Amino acid sequence: SLLVNAAGQPRKEKVTLPSCLQGSRPRSIPNKKIEDPVAGKVNTSSLATARQQLSDFHLIPPRVTFGVLKEGCTYAATVILKNVGVNFLRFRVKQPPPHTGLRVVYTPGPVVAGLQVELEIEIFARVIGGGNTAGLEDVSHDIEILTETATLFLPVRANIL
């Protein structure tokens, strides 16, 4: 139980899950695509009867929140895109518009089953409109990651001071 420790006494602090278990399938839109006969498909008898989707990516963490940022500085966060399927998969990232100050740095190419790729999310903090009286500007954008099976959305949020 998560309520007691190994000695059977109540826990004082909350149990945090390992990062490998925190990954989840983000908001996504499945692609309506005809099966590609040349894709890296595994043809084994143990997988022939499986009905579930065996090609999938997980994002760890599933969202990026930068918090309050100082204007004029560049910040970065790393997101892991993990292939949890049985086939190798390809992906590409649709870069956010320049006015958001966001940029995604990654190495393109196929991702082998069970391996992962790091996506570095960079933000250059700048205030576009000066009309906000509180001195904060919210940056909110969903980065699109186009895969062979679906389009994944990575929400990125920040407040610029």
N, C-alpha and C. Protein backbone atom coordinates (compact mmCIF):
# COMPACT_ATOMS: atom_id res chain seq x y z
N SER A 1 0.84 -1.19 0.00
CA SER A 1 0.00 0.00 0.00
C SER A 1 0.87 1.24 0.00
N LEU A 2 0.37 2.29 -0.59
CA LEU A 2 1.10 3.55 -0.60
C LEU A 2 0.92 4.32 0.70
N LEU A 3 -0.01 3.87 1.55
CA LEU A 3 -0.29 4.58 2.79
C LEU A 3 0.66 4.21 3.92
N VAL A 4 1.29 3.02 3.83
CA VAL A 4 2.22 2.59 4.87
C VAL A 4 3.57 2.25 4.25
N ASN A 5 4.63 2.34 5.06
CA ASN A 5 5.96 2.01 4.55
C ASN A 5 6.23 0.51 4.73
N ALA A 6 7.47 0.08 4.48
CA ALA A 6 7.83 -1.33 4.55
C ALA A 6 7.70 -1.90 5.96
N ALA A 7 7.80 -1.07 6.98
CA ALA A 7 7.68 -1.51 8.37
C ALA A 7 6.23 -1.54 8.83
N GLY A 8 5.29 -1.12 7.97
CA GLY A 8 3.88 -1.12 8.33
C GLY A 8 3.42 0.13 9.05
N GLN A 9 4.27 1.15 9.12
CA GLN A 9 3.92 2.41 9.77
C GLN A 9 3.40 3.40 8.74
N PRO A 10 2.52 4.30 9.14
CA PRO A 10 2.00 5.29 8.17
C PRO A 10 3.12 6.15 7.60
N ARG A 11 3.03 6.45 6.31
CA ARG A 11 4.04 7.27 5.64
C ARG A 11 3.88 8.73 6.05
N LYS A 12 5.03 9.42 6.16
CA LYS A 12 5.00 10.84 6.50
C LYS A 12 4.97 11.70 5.25
N GLU A 13 5.57 11.23 4.16
CA GLU A 13 5.59 11.99 2.93
C GLU A 13 4.93 11.19 1.81
N LYS A 14 4.54 11.90 0.77
CA LYS A 14 3.86 11.28 -0.36
C LYS A 14 4.85 10.49 -1.21
N VAL A 15 4.43 9.37 -1.74
CA VAL A 15 5.27 8.54 -2.59
C VAL A 15 5.25 9.12 -4.01
N THR A 16 6.45 9.35 -4.58
CA THR A 16 6.52 9.83 -5.96
C THR A 16 6.81 8.66 -6.88
N LEU A 17 6.14 8.65 -7.99
CA LEU A 17 6.36 7.60 -8.97
C LEU A 17 7.66 7.82 -9.72
N PRO A 18 8.34 6.74 -10.14
CA PRO A 18 9.53 6.91 -10.97
C PRO A 18 9.16 7.54 -12.30
N SER A 19 10.13 8.20 -12.93
CA SER A 19 9.86 8.90 -14.18
C SER A 19 9.39 7.96 -15.28
N CYS A 20 9.83 6.70 -15.25
CA CYS A 20 9.41 5.76 -16.29
C CYS A 20 7.92 5.44 -16.19
N LEU A 21 7.35 5.55 -14.98
CA LEU A 21 5.93 5.30 -14.81
C LEU A 21 5.09 6.56 -14.96
N GLN A 22 5.72 7.73 -14.93
CA GLN A 22 4.99 8.97 -15.07
C GLN A 22 4.67 9.29 -16.52
N GLY A 23 5.36 8.68 -17.46
CA GLY A 23 5.09 8.93 -18.87
C GLY A 23 3.70 8.48 -19.24
N SER A 24 3.08 9.23 -20.10
CA SER A 24 1.73 8.88 -20.51
C SER A 24 1.49 9.34 -21.93
N ARG A 25 0.47 8.81 -22.50
CA ARG A 25 0.11 9.24 -23.83
C ARG A 25 -0.59 10.58 -23.71
N PRO A 26 -0.02 11.61 -24.31
CA PRO A 26 -0.62 12.93 -24.19
C PRO A 26 -1.86 13.04 -25.06
N ARG A 27 -2.44 14.23 -25.05
CA ARG A 27 -3.55 14.45 -25.96
C ARG A 27 -3.06 14.18 -27.38
N SER A 28 -3.82 13.45 -28.14
CA SER A 28 -3.36 13.11 -29.48
C SER A 28 -4.55 12.92 -30.41
N ILE A 29 -4.25 12.99 -31.70
CA ILE A 29 -5.23 12.73 -32.74
C ILE A 29 -4.68 11.58 -33.58
N PRO A 30 -5.40 10.45 -33.68
CA PRO A 30 -4.88 9.34 -34.49
C PRO A 30 -4.88 9.69 -35.97
N ASN A 31 -3.85 9.22 -36.67
CA ASN A 31 -3.76 9.42 -38.11
C ASN A 31 -4.62 8.39 -38.83
N LYS A 32 -5.29 8.83 -39.86
CA LYS A 32 -6.03 7.90 -40.70
C LYS A 32 -5.12 7.58 -41.88
N LYS A 33 -4.31 6.57 -41.70
CA LYS A 33 -3.27 6.24 -42.67
C LYS A 33 -3.38 4.79 -43.06
N ILE A 34 -3.15 4.51 -44.33
CA ILE A 34 -3.09 3.14 -44.81
C ILE A 34 -1.77 2.54 -44.36
N GLU A 35 -1.78 1.29 -43.95
CA GLU A 35 -0.58 0.62 -43.45
C GLU A 35 0.52 0.66 -44.50
N ASP A 36 1.68 1.14 -44.11
CA ASP A 36 2.83 1.25 -45.00
C ASP A 36 3.53 -0.11 -45.07
N PRO A 37 3.61 -0.73 -46.25
CA PRO A 37 4.24 -2.05 -46.34
C PRO A 37 5.75 -2.04 -46.12
N VAL A 38 6.38 -0.85 -46.17
CA VAL A 38 7.82 -0.78 -46.02
C VAL A 38 8.24 -0.36 -44.62
N ALA A 39 7.30 -0.07 -43.76
CA ALA A 39 7.64 0.38 -42.40
C ALA A 39 8.31 -0.74 -41.62
N GLY A 40 8.97 -0.38 -40.52
CA GLY A 40 9.68 -1.36 -39.71
C GLY A 40 8.71 -2.21 -38.91
N LYS A 41 8.08 -3.14 -39.55
CA LYS A 41 7.02 -3.92 -38.94
C LYS A 41 7.58 -5.25 -38.44
N VAL A 42 7.14 -5.68 -37.28
CA VAL A 42 7.57 -6.95 -36.72
C VAL A 42 6.50 -7.98 -37.04
N ASN A 43 6.89 -9.09 -37.66
CA ASN A 43 5.95 -10.14 -38.03
C ASN A 43 6.27 -11.41 -37.25
N THR A 44 5.86 -11.46 -36.00
CA THR A 44 6.06 -12.66 -35.21
C THR A 44 4.70 -13.21 -34.82
N SER A 45 4.63 -14.49 -34.58
CA SER A 45 3.34 -15.11 -34.28
C SER A 45 2.75 -14.62 -32.96
N SER A 46 3.60 -14.25 -32.01
CA SER A 46 3.08 -13.77 -30.72
C SER A 46 2.38 -12.43 -30.86
N LEU A 47 2.72 -11.65 -31.89
CA LEU A 47 2.11 -10.35 -32.09
C LEU A 47 1.01 -10.39 -33.14
N ALA A 48 0.85 -11.50 -33.83
CA ALA A 48 -0.11 -11.57 -34.92
C ALA A 48 -1.55 -11.48 -34.43
N THR A 49 -1.82 -11.94 -33.22
CA THR A 49 -3.19 -11.93 -32.72
C THR A 49 -3.49 -10.74 -31.82
N ALA A 50 -2.52 -9.91 -31.56
CA ALA A 50 -2.73 -8.77 -30.67
C ALA A 50 -3.65 -7.75 -31.32
N ARG A 51 -4.63 -7.29 -30.58
CA ARG A 51 -5.59 -6.32 -31.11
C ARG A 51 -5.23 -4.88 -30.73
N GLN A 52 -4.36 -4.71 -29.76
CA GLN A 52 -4.06 -3.37 -29.30
C GLN A 52 -3.05 -2.68 -30.22
N GLN A 53 -2.99 -1.38 -30.11
CA GLN A 53 -2.06 -0.59 -30.91
C GLN A 53 -0.65 -0.85 -30.38
N LEU A 54 0.25 -1.33 -31.25
CA LEU A 54 1.60 -1.68 -30.83
C LEU A 54 2.65 -0.67 -31.27
N SER A 55 2.20 0.46 -31.80
CA SER A 55 3.11 1.52 -32.19
C SER A 55 2.69 2.78 -31.46
N ASP A 56 3.53 3.25 -30.56
CA ASP A 56 3.11 4.35 -29.72
C ASP A 56 4.30 5.08 -29.14
N PHE A 57 4.15 6.37 -28.90
CA PHE A 57 5.14 7.18 -28.21
C PHE A 57 4.56 7.66 -26.90
N HIS A 58 5.40 7.80 -25.87
CA HIS A 58 5.02 8.42 -24.61
C HIS A 58 5.92 9.62 -24.40
N LEU A 59 5.36 10.68 -23.84
CA LEU A 59 6.12 11.87 -23.48
C LEU A 59 6.35 11.88 -21.98
N ILE A 60 7.60 12.10 -21.58
CA ILE A 60 7.96 12.17 -20.17
C ILE A 60 8.69 13.49 -19.95
N PRO A 61 8.15 14.45 -19.27
CA PRO A 61 6.82 14.59 -18.70
C PRO A 61 5.80 14.93 -19.78
N PRO A 62 4.52 14.72 -19.52
CA PRO A 62 3.50 14.96 -20.54
C PRO A 62 3.18 16.43 -20.79
N ARG A 63 3.72 17.35 -19.98
CA ARG A 63 3.52 18.78 -20.18
C ARG A 63 4.73 19.52 -19.62
N VAL A 64 4.98 20.74 -20.12
CA VAL A 64 6.10 21.55 -19.65
C VAL A 64 5.55 22.85 -19.08
N THR A 65 5.91 23.14 -17.83
CA THR A 65 5.53 24.39 -17.19
C THR A 65 6.81 25.08 -16.73
N PHE A 66 7.12 26.23 -17.34
CA PHE A 66 8.34 26.94 -17.00
C PHE A 66 8.19 27.79 -15.74
N GLY A 67 6.99 28.22 -15.43
CA GLY A 67 6.77 29.08 -14.27
C GLY A 67 6.98 30.54 -14.65
N VAL A 68 7.48 31.35 -13.71
CA VAL A 68 7.70 32.77 -13.96
C VAL A 68 9.12 32.96 -14.50
N LEU A 69 9.22 33.64 -15.65
CA LEU A 69 10.50 33.84 -16.33
C LEU A 69 10.84 35.32 -16.40
N LYS A 70 12.12 35.63 -16.39
CA LYS A 70 12.58 37.01 -16.51
C LYS A 70 12.69 37.37 -18.00
N GLU A 71 12.16 38.52 -18.34
CA GLU A 71 12.17 38.95 -19.74
C GLU A 71 13.60 39.14 -20.24
N GLY A 72 13.84 38.68 -21.47
CA GLY A 72 15.15 38.82 -22.10
C GLY A 72 16.08 37.65 -21.89
N CYS A 73 15.66 36.64 -21.15
CA CYS A 73 16.49 35.46 -20.88
C CYS A 73 15.97 34.26 -21.66
N THR A 74 16.86 33.30 -21.89
CA THR A 74 16.48 32.06 -22.57
C THR A 74 16.50 30.92 -21.55
N TYR A 75 15.43 30.12 -21.58
CA TYR A 75 15.29 28.98 -20.66
C TYR A 75 15.08 27.72 -21.49
N ALA A 76 15.41 26.58 -20.91
CA ALA A 76 15.27 25.30 -21.62
C ALA A 76 14.77 24.22 -20.67
N ALA A 77 14.04 23.28 -21.25
CA ALA A 77 13.58 22.10 -20.51
C ALA A 77 13.70 20.91 -21.45
N THR A 78 13.95 19.74 -20.90
CA THR A 78 14.12 18.53 -21.70
C THR A 78 12.90 17.64 -21.52
N VAL A 79 12.39 17.15 -22.66
CA VAL A 79 11.27 16.21 -22.67
C VAL A 79 11.76 14.95 -23.39
N ILE A 80 11.40 13.79 -22.85
CA ILE A 80 11.79 12.52 -23.46
C ILE A 80 10.62 11.97 -24.26
N LEU A 81 10.88 11.64 -25.51
CA LEU A 81 9.91 11.00 -26.38
C LEU A 81 10.32 9.55 -26.50
N LYS A 82 9.56 8.65 -25.84
CA LYS A 82 9.96 7.25 -25.75
C LYS A 82 9.07 6.39 -26.63
N ASN A 83 9.69 5.52 -27.42
CA ASN A 83 8.97 4.58 -28.27
C ASN A 83 8.63 3.36 -27.42
N VAL A 84 7.34 3.19 -27.07
CA VAL A 84 6.91 2.07 -26.26
C VAL A 84 6.27 0.98 -27.10
N GLY A 85 6.37 1.10 -28.42
CA GLY A 85 5.82 0.09 -29.32
C GLY A 85 6.82 -1.00 -29.61
N VAL A 86 6.48 -1.85 -30.59
CA VAL A 86 7.37 -2.94 -30.98
C VAL A 86 8.03 -2.69 -32.34
N ASN A 87 7.64 -1.62 -33.00
CA ASN A 87 8.21 -1.25 -34.30
C ASN A 87 9.06 0.01 -34.13
N PHE A 88 9.99 0.23 -35.08
CA PHE A 88 10.66 1.51 -35.05
C PHE A 88 9.73 2.52 -35.69
N LEU A 89 9.75 3.74 -35.16
CA LEU A 89 8.84 4.79 -35.59
C LEU A 89 9.62 6.04 -35.93
N ARG A 90 9.04 6.82 -36.82
CA ARG A 90 9.60 8.12 -37.16
C ARG A 90 8.68 9.21 -36.63
N PHE A 91 9.26 10.39 -36.42
CA PHE A 91 8.47 11.53 -35.96
C PHE A 91 9.11 12.80 -36.49
N ARG A 92 8.35 13.87 -36.45
CA ARG A 92 8.90 15.20 -36.71
C ARG A 92 8.11 16.18 -35.86
N VAL A 93 8.74 17.30 -35.55
CA VAL A 93 8.13 18.30 -34.69
C VAL A 93 7.80 19.51 -35.54
N LYS A 94 6.55 19.96 -35.43
CA LYS A 94 6.13 21.19 -36.09
C LYS A 94 6.55 22.34 -35.19
N GLN A 95 7.51 23.14 -35.66
CA GLN A 95 8.06 24.22 -34.84
C GLN A 95 6.98 25.26 -34.53
N PRO A 96 6.94 25.76 -33.29
CA PRO A 96 5.96 26.79 -32.92
C PRO A 96 6.23 28.09 -33.68
N PRO A 97 5.23 28.96 -33.80
CA PRO A 97 5.44 30.24 -34.47
C PRO A 97 6.48 31.10 -33.72
N PRO A 98 7.22 31.94 -34.44
CA PRO A 98 8.28 32.72 -33.81
C PRO A 98 7.80 33.68 -32.72
N HIS A 99 6.57 34.19 -32.81
CA HIS A 99 6.10 35.17 -31.83
C HIS A 99 5.93 34.56 -30.43
N THR A 100 5.89 33.23 -30.31
CA THR A 100 5.79 32.59 -29.00
C THR A 100 7.13 32.57 -28.26
N GLY A 101 8.24 32.67 -29.01
CA GLY A 101 9.56 32.59 -28.40
C GLY A 101 10.00 31.16 -28.16
N LEU A 102 9.19 30.19 -28.58
CA LEU A 102 9.50 28.77 -28.36
C LEU A 102 10.26 28.19 -29.55
N ARG A 103 11.10 27.20 -29.25
CA ARG A 103 11.84 26.47 -30.27
C ARG A 103 12.10 25.07 -29.74
N VAL A 104 12.03 24.08 -30.62
CA VAL A 104 12.28 22.70 -30.23
C VAL A 104 13.55 22.22 -30.95
N VAL A 105 14.53 21.75 -30.16
CA VAL A 105 15.78 21.25 -30.71
C VAL A 105 15.79 19.74 -30.52
N TYR A 106 15.97 19.00 -31.62
CA TYR A 106 15.98 17.54 -31.54
C TYR A 106 16.78 16.99 -32.71
N THR A 107 17.12 15.70 -32.62
CA THR A 107 17.82 15.01 -33.70
C THR A 107 16.80 14.17 -34.45
N PRO A 108 16.56 14.47 -35.74
CA PRO A 108 15.57 13.69 -36.49
C PRO A 108 16.10 12.29 -36.81
N GLY A 109 15.17 11.40 -37.11
CA GLY A 109 15.52 10.04 -37.46
C GLY A 109 14.59 9.05 -36.80
N PRO A 110 14.70 7.77 -37.18
CA PRO A 110 13.82 6.76 -36.59
C PRO A 110 14.19 6.48 -35.14
N VAL A 111 13.19 6.08 -34.36
CA VAL A 111 13.40 5.72 -32.96
C VAL A 111 13.10 4.23 -32.85
N VAL A 112 14.09 3.47 -32.45
CA VAL A 112 13.97 2.02 -32.34
C VAL A 112 13.07 1.68 -31.15
N ALA A 113 12.37 0.56 -31.23
CA ALA A 113 11.46 0.13 -30.16
C ALA A 113 12.20 0.06 -28.83
N GLY A 114 11.63 0.69 -27.80
CA GLY A 114 12.21 0.68 -26.47
C GLY A 114 13.19 1.81 -26.21
N LEU A 115 13.61 2.53 -27.25
CA LEU A 115 14.56 3.62 -27.04
C LEU A 115 13.83 4.95 -27.00
N GLN A 116 14.58 6.02 -26.75
CA GLN A 116 13.98 7.33 -26.58
C GLN A 116 14.84 8.41 -27.21
N VAL A 117 14.21 9.55 -27.44
CA VAL A 117 14.88 10.71 -28.01
C VAL A 117 14.59 11.89 -27.09
N GLU A 118 15.58 12.76 -26.92
CA GLU A 118 15.38 13.95 -26.10
C GLU A 118 14.98 15.12 -26.98
N LEU A 119 13.92 15.81 -26.56
CA LEU A 119 13.49 17.05 -27.20
C LEU A 119 13.81 18.18 -26.24
N GLU A 120 14.56 19.16 -26.69
CA GLU A 120 14.88 20.29 -25.83
C GLU A 120 13.97 21.45 -26.21
N ILE A 121 13.13 21.85 -25.26
CA ILE A 121 12.19 22.94 -25.46
C ILE A 121 12.86 24.21 -24.96
N GLU A 122 13.12 25.16 -25.86
CA GLU A 122 13.75 26.43 -25.49
C GLU A 122 12.72 27.54 -25.61
N ILE A 123 12.78 28.48 -24.68
CA ILE A 123 11.90 29.65 -24.74
C ILE A 123 12.74 30.89 -24.49
N PHE A 124 12.58 31.86 -25.39
CA PHE A 124 13.18 33.17 -25.19
C PHE A 124 12.08 34.04 -24.63
N ALA A 125 12.22 34.44 -23.38
CA ALA A 125 11.17 35.19 -22.68
C ALA A 125 11.14 36.62 -23.17
N ARG A 126 10.04 36.98 -23.80
CA ARG A 126 9.86 38.38 -24.23
C ARG A 126 8.38 38.72 -24.16
N VAL A 127 8.13 39.96 -23.80
CA VAL A 127 6.75 40.45 -23.69
C VAL A 127 6.38 41.08 -25.02
N ILE A 128 5.30 40.59 -25.63
CA ILE A 128 4.88 41.10 -26.94
C ILE A 128 3.98 42.31 -26.77
N GLY A 129 2.90 42.17 -25.99
CA GLY A 129 1.99 43.28 -25.76
C GLY A 129 2.32 43.94 -24.44
N GLY A 130 2.31 45.24 -24.37
CA GLY A 130 2.65 45.93 -23.12
C GLY A 130 1.44 46.37 -22.35
N GLY A 131 0.24 45.90 -22.69
CA GLY A 131 -0.97 46.40 -22.08
C GLY A 131 -1.38 45.72 -20.80
N ASN A 132 -0.68 44.72 -20.36
CA ASN A 132 -1.06 43.99 -19.15
C ASN A 132 -0.65 44.79 -17.91
N THR A 133 -1.59 45.06 -17.03
CA THR A 133 -1.29 45.89 -15.86
C THR A 133 -0.55 45.14 -14.77
N ALA A 134 -0.66 43.84 -14.73
CA ALA A 134 -0.02 43.07 -13.67
C ALA A 134 1.47 42.86 -13.92
N GLY A 135 1.98 43.18 -15.13
CA GLY A 135 3.39 42.99 -15.43
C GLY A 135 3.72 41.58 -15.86
N LEU A 136 2.73 40.69 -15.96
CA LEU A 136 2.94 39.31 -16.38
C LEU A 136 2.27 39.07 -17.73
N GLU A 137 2.93 38.29 -18.54
CA GLU A 137 2.31 37.85 -19.80
C GLU A 137 2.35 36.33 -19.83
N ASP A 138 1.22 35.73 -20.12
CA ASP A 138 1.14 34.27 -20.19
C ASP A 138 1.49 33.79 -21.58
N VAL A 139 2.36 32.78 -21.64
CA VAL A 139 2.68 32.10 -22.90
C VAL A 139 2.11 30.70 -22.79
N SER A 140 1.27 30.35 -23.74
CA SER A 140 0.63 29.04 -23.71
C SER A 140 0.56 28.53 -25.14
N HIS A 141 1.20 27.40 -25.39
CA HIS A 141 1.21 26.85 -26.74
C HIS A 141 1.29 25.32 -26.67
N ASP A 142 0.61 24.66 -27.59
CA ASP A 142 0.69 23.21 -27.71
C ASP A 142 1.61 22.87 -28.88
N ILE A 143 2.74 22.24 -28.60
CA ILE A 143 3.69 21.85 -29.64
C ILE A 143 3.18 20.57 -30.28
N GLU A 144 3.12 20.55 -31.61
CA GLU A 144 2.64 19.38 -32.35
C GLU A 144 3.81 18.47 -32.70
N ILE A 145 3.67 17.19 -32.35
CA ILE A 145 4.65 16.17 -32.70
C ILE A 145 3.95 15.19 -33.63
N LEU A 146 4.36 15.18 -34.88
CA LEU A 146 3.72 14.35 -35.89
C LEU A 146 4.44 13.00 -35.96
N THR A 147 3.71 11.92 -35.67
CA THR A 147 4.28 10.58 -35.75
C THR A 147 3.57 9.81 -36.85
N GLU A 148 3.98 8.58 -37.07
CA GLU A 148 3.37 7.76 -38.11
C GLU A 148 1.95 7.35 -37.75
N THR A 149 1.66 7.26 -36.47
CA THR A 149 0.35 6.76 -36.04
C THR A 149 -0.57 7.84 -35.51
N ALA A 150 -0.03 8.97 -35.02
CA ALA A 150 -0.88 9.99 -34.42
C ALA A 150 -0.15 11.32 -34.39
N THR A 151 -0.89 12.37 -34.08
CA THR A 151 -0.33 13.69 -33.83
C THR A 151 -0.43 13.95 -32.33
N LEU A 152 0.72 14.09 -31.66
CA LEU A 152 0.76 14.32 -30.22
C LEU A 152 0.84 15.81 -29.95
N PHE A 153 0.26 16.25 -28.83
CA PHE A 153 0.31 17.64 -28.43
C PHE A 153 1.02 17.74 -27.09
N LEU A 154 2.07 18.57 -27.04
CA LEU A 154 2.82 18.82 -25.82
C LEU A 154 2.51 20.23 -25.34
N PRO A 155 1.70 20.38 -24.26
CA PRO A 155 1.39 21.72 -23.78
C PRO A 155 2.58 22.35 -23.07
N VAL A 156 2.87 23.61 -23.44
CA VAL A 156 3.97 24.37 -22.83
C VAL A 156 3.36 25.65 -22.27
N ARG A 157 3.65 25.94 -20.99
CA ARG A 157 3.11 27.12 -20.32
C ARG A 157 4.24 27.88 -19.63
N ALA A 158 4.12 29.22 -19.63
CA ALA A 158 5.10 30.06 -18.95
C ALA A 158 4.48 31.42 -18.64
N ASN A 159 4.99 32.10 -17.65
CA ASN A 159 4.62 33.48 -17.32
C ASN A 159 5.87 34.32 -17.43
N ILE A 160 5.80 35.41 -18.19
CA ILE A 160 6.96 36.27 -18.39
C ILE A 160 6.77 37.53 -17.56
N LEU A 161 7.77 37.84 -16.73
CA LEU A 161 7.70 38.98 -15.83
C LEU A 161 8.31 40.20 -16.49
